[in-house]
C-alpha atoms as a PDB file:
ATOM      1  CA  MET A   1      -8.324 -13.570  -3.956  1.00  0.00           C
ATOM      2  CA  ASP A   2      -6.373 -10.362  -3.378  1.00  0.00           C
ATOM      3  CA  THR A   3      -2.684 -10.111  -4.159  1.00  0.00           C
ATOM      4  CA  VAL A   4      -0.647  -8.098  -1.664  1.00  0.00           C
ATOM      5  CA  LEU A   5       1.626  -5.495  -3.200  1.00  0.00           C
ATOM      6  CA  CYS A   6       3.236  -4.232  -0.020  1.00  0.00           C
ATOM      7  CA  GLY A   7       2.686  -3.418   3.614  1.00  0.00           C
ATOM      8  CA  ALA A   8       4.055  -2.399   6.970  1.00  0.00           C
ATOM      9  CA  ASN A   9       3.483  -3.209  10.580  1.00  0.00           C
ATOM     10  CA  ALA A  10       4.211  -0.764  13.410  1.00  0.00           C
ATOM     11  CA  GLN A  11       4.378  -3.395  16.102  1.00  0.00           C
ATOM     12  CA  SER A  12       7.073  -5.510  14.373  1.00  0.00           C
ATOM     13  CA  MET A  13       8.610  -2.476  12.782  1.00  0.00           C
ATOM     14  CA  ARG A  14       8.694  -4.339   9.432  1.00  0.00           C
ATOM     15  CA  TRP A  15       8.121  -3.381   5.792  1.00  0.00           C
ATOM     16  CA  TYR A  16       7.116  -5.910   3.185  1.00  0.00           C
ATOM     17  CA  PHE A  17       7.184  -5.746  -0.526  1.00  0.00           C
ATOM     18  CA  ASN A  18       5.960  -8.644  -2.788  1.00  0.00           C
ATOM     19  CA  GLU A  19       9.141  -8.915  -4.797  1.00  0.00           C
ATOM     20  CA  ASP A  20       8.036 -12.190  -6.385  1.00  0.00           C
ATOM     21  CA  ASP A  21       5.064 -10.656  -8.183  1.00  0.00           C
ATOM     22  CA  PHE A  22       6.028  -6.998  -8.505  1.00  0.00           C
ATOM     23  CA  GLY A  23       9.884  -6.969  -8.543  1.00  0.00           C
ATOM     24  CA  ILE A  24       9.986  -5.405 -11.957  1.00  0.00           C
ATOM     25  CA  LEU A  25       8.580  -2.093 -10.525  1.00  0.00           C
ATOM     26  CA  PRO A  26      11.081   0.690 -10.623  1.00  0.00           C
ATOM     27  CA  GLU A  27      13.097   1.295  -7.379  1.00  0.00           C
ATOM     28  CA  GLU A  28      11.623   4.755  -7.095  1.00  0.00           C
ATOM     29  CA  VAL A  29       8.123   3.378  -6.983  1.00  0.00           C
ATOM     30  CA  LYS A  30       9.135   0.841  -4.405  1.00  0.00           C
ATOM     31  CA  ARG A  31      10.635   3.574  -2.263  1.00  0.00           C
ATOM     32  CA  GLU A  32       7.487   5.726  -2.577  1.00  0.00           C
ATOM     33  CA  LEU A  33       5.329   2.746  -1.487  1.00  0.00           C
ATOM     34  CA  LYS A  34       7.649   2.173   1.533  1.00  0.00           C
ATOM     35  CA  VAL A  35       7.317   5.819   2.592  1.00  0.00           C
ATOM     36  CA  ILE A  36       3.520   5.605   2.259  1.00  0.00           C
ATOM     37  CA  CYS A  37       3.273   2.419   4.393  1.00  0.00           C
ATOM     38  CA  VAL A  38       5.865   3.306   6.987  1.00  0.00           C
ATOM     39  CA  SER A  39       4.556   6.809   7.474  1.00  0.00           C
ATOM     40  CA  TYR A  40       1.075   5.488   8.013  1.00  0.00           C
ATOM     41  CA  CYS A  41       2.270   3.102  10.714  1.00  0.00           C
ATOM     42  CA  SER A  42       4.423   5.868  12.305  1.00  0.00           C
ATOM     43  CA  ASP A  43       1.374   8.212  12.387  1.00  0.00           C
ATOM     44  CA  VAL A  44      -1.381   5.912  13.560  1.00  0.00           C
ATOM     45  CA  GLY A  45       0.082   2.613  14.444  1.00  0.00           C
ATOM     46  CA  GLY A  46      -1.218  -0.790  13.478  1.00  0.00           C
ATOM     47  CA  ALA A  47      -0.561  -2.302  10.090  1.00  0.00           C
ATOM     48  CA  ILE A  48      -1.359  -1.356   6.509  1.00  0.00           C
ATOM     49  CA  THR A  49      -1.401  -3.350   3.259  1.00  0.00           C
ATOM     50  CA  LEU A  50      -1.898  -2.373  -0.332  1.00  0.00           C
ATOM     51  CA  SER A  51      -3.345  -5.155  -2.390  1.00  0.00           C
ATOM     52  CA  TYR A  52      -5.080  -5.750  -5.702  1.00  0.00           C
ATOM     53  CA  ASP A  53      -8.365  -7.445  -6.209  1.00  0.00           C
ATOM     54  CA  GLN A  54      -9.277  -9.688  -9.113  1.00  0.00           C
ATOM     55  CA  ASP A  55     -10.189  -6.653 -11.265  1.00  0.00           C
ATOM     56  CA  HIS A  56      -6.697  -5.131 -10.592  1.00  0.00           C
ATOM     57  CA  LYS A  57      -8.126  -2.402  -8.366  1.00  0.00           C
ATOM     58  CA  LEU A  58      -5.683  -1.306  -5.628  1.00  0.00           C
ATOM     59  CA  HIS A  59      -7.035  -1.345  -2.091  1.00  0.00           C
ATOM     60  CA  ILE A  60      -5.748  -0.143   1.202  1.00  0.00           C
ATOM     61  CA  GLN A  61      -6.399  -2.281   4.245  1.00  0.00           C
ATOM     62  CA  THR A  62      -5.552  -1.322   7.832  1.00  0.00           C
ATOM     63  CA  ILE A  63      -5.420  -3.404  10.963  1.00  0.00           C
ATOM     64  CA  ASP A  64      -5.560  -2.288  14.596  1.00  0.00           C
ATOM     65  CA  PRO A  65      -4.611   1.472  14.343  1.00  0.00           C
ATOM     66  CA  ILE A  66      -4.138   3.160  17.682  1.00  0.00           C
ATOM     67  CA  ASP A  67      -6.216   6.039  16.405  1.00  0.00           C
ATOM     68  CA  GLU A  68      -9.249   4.856  14.417  1.00  0.00           C
ATOM     69  CA  ILE A  69     -10.315   8.360  13.270  1.00  0.00           C
ATOM     70  CA  GLY A  70      -6.788   9.409  12.524  1.00  0.00           C
ATOM     71  CA  ALA A  71      -6.348   6.163  10.504  1.00  0.00           C
ATOM     72  CA  GLU A  72      -9.450   6.930   8.319  1.00  0.00           C
ATOM     73  CA  LEU A  73      -8.180  10.448   7.639  1.00  0.00           C
ATOM     74  CA  LYS A  74      -4.699   9.213   6.870  1.00  0.00           C
ATOM     75  CA  VAL A  75      -6.021   6.641   4.422  1.00  0.00           C
ATOM     76  CA  ARG A  76      -8.019   9.343   2.646  1.00  0.00           C
ATOM     77  CA  GLN A  77      -4.964  11.578   2.558  1.00  0.00           C
ATOM     78  CA  ILE A  78      -2.857   8.734   1.056  1.00  0.00           C
ATOM     79  CA  GLN A  79      -5.475   8.064  -1.551  1.00  0.00           C
ATOM     80  CA  GLU A  80      -5.804  11.750  -2.568  1.00  0.00           C
ATOM     81  CA  LYS A  81      -2.016  12.479  -2.539  1.00  0.00           C
ATOM     82  CA  ASN A  82      -1.135   9.290  -4.463  1.00  0.00           C
ATOM     83  CA  ALA A  83      -4.102   8.995  -6.761  1.00  0.00           C
ATOM     84  CA  GLU A  84      -1.937   9.210  -9.917  1.00  0.00           C
ATOM     85  CA  LEU A  85       0.576   6.649  -8.633  1.00  0.00           C
ATOM     86  CA  PHE A  86      -2.306   4.273  -7.719  1.00  0.00           C
ATOM     87  CA  GLU A  87      -3.849   4.633 -11.152  1.00  0.00           C
ATOM     88  CA  GLN A  88      -0.442   3.909 -12.755  1.00  0.00           C
ATOM     89  CA  LEU A  89      -0.085   0.814 -10.450  1.00  0.00           C
ATOM     90  CA  GLU A  90      -3.496  -0.425 -11.402  1.00  0.00           C
ATOM     91  CA  ALA A  91      -2.637   0.026 -15.146  1.00  0.00           C
ATOM     92  CA  PHE A  92       0.629  -1.901 -14.519  1.00  0.00           C
ATOM     93  CA  SER A  93      -1.327  -4.717 -12.891  1.00  0.00           C
ATOM     94  CA  ARG A  94      -3.748  -4.947 -15.793  1.00  0.00           C
ATOM     95  CA  ALA A  95      -0.944  -4.945 -18.365  1.00  0.00           C
ATOM     96  CA  PHE A  96       1.498  -7.338 -16.680  1.00  0.00           C
ATOM     97  CA  ARG A  97      -0.696  -9.497 -14.480  1.00  0.00           C
ATOM     98  CA  ALA A  98      -3.588 -10.226 -16.864  1.00  0.00           C
END
């Protein structure tokens, strides 16, 4: 079962961060995750979540974007631009959530 790290929803204009499981992450990382999620929703609508699978791999899920093609491009852009951050978050998950 996946564990949600964070997410945002364009319709409700809400940001969510799983403080219970990941509250020890530095505030700078939390801000960066918020920018990633909120900018995605602002650009293509819908909702986005970042979650870990059982192997501590970070995944991006999207729901009902207004622009399907733009959403796919935006996800690829997020993955490329934040590859190092995502690798560090996966290492964090393996170390602290084993």
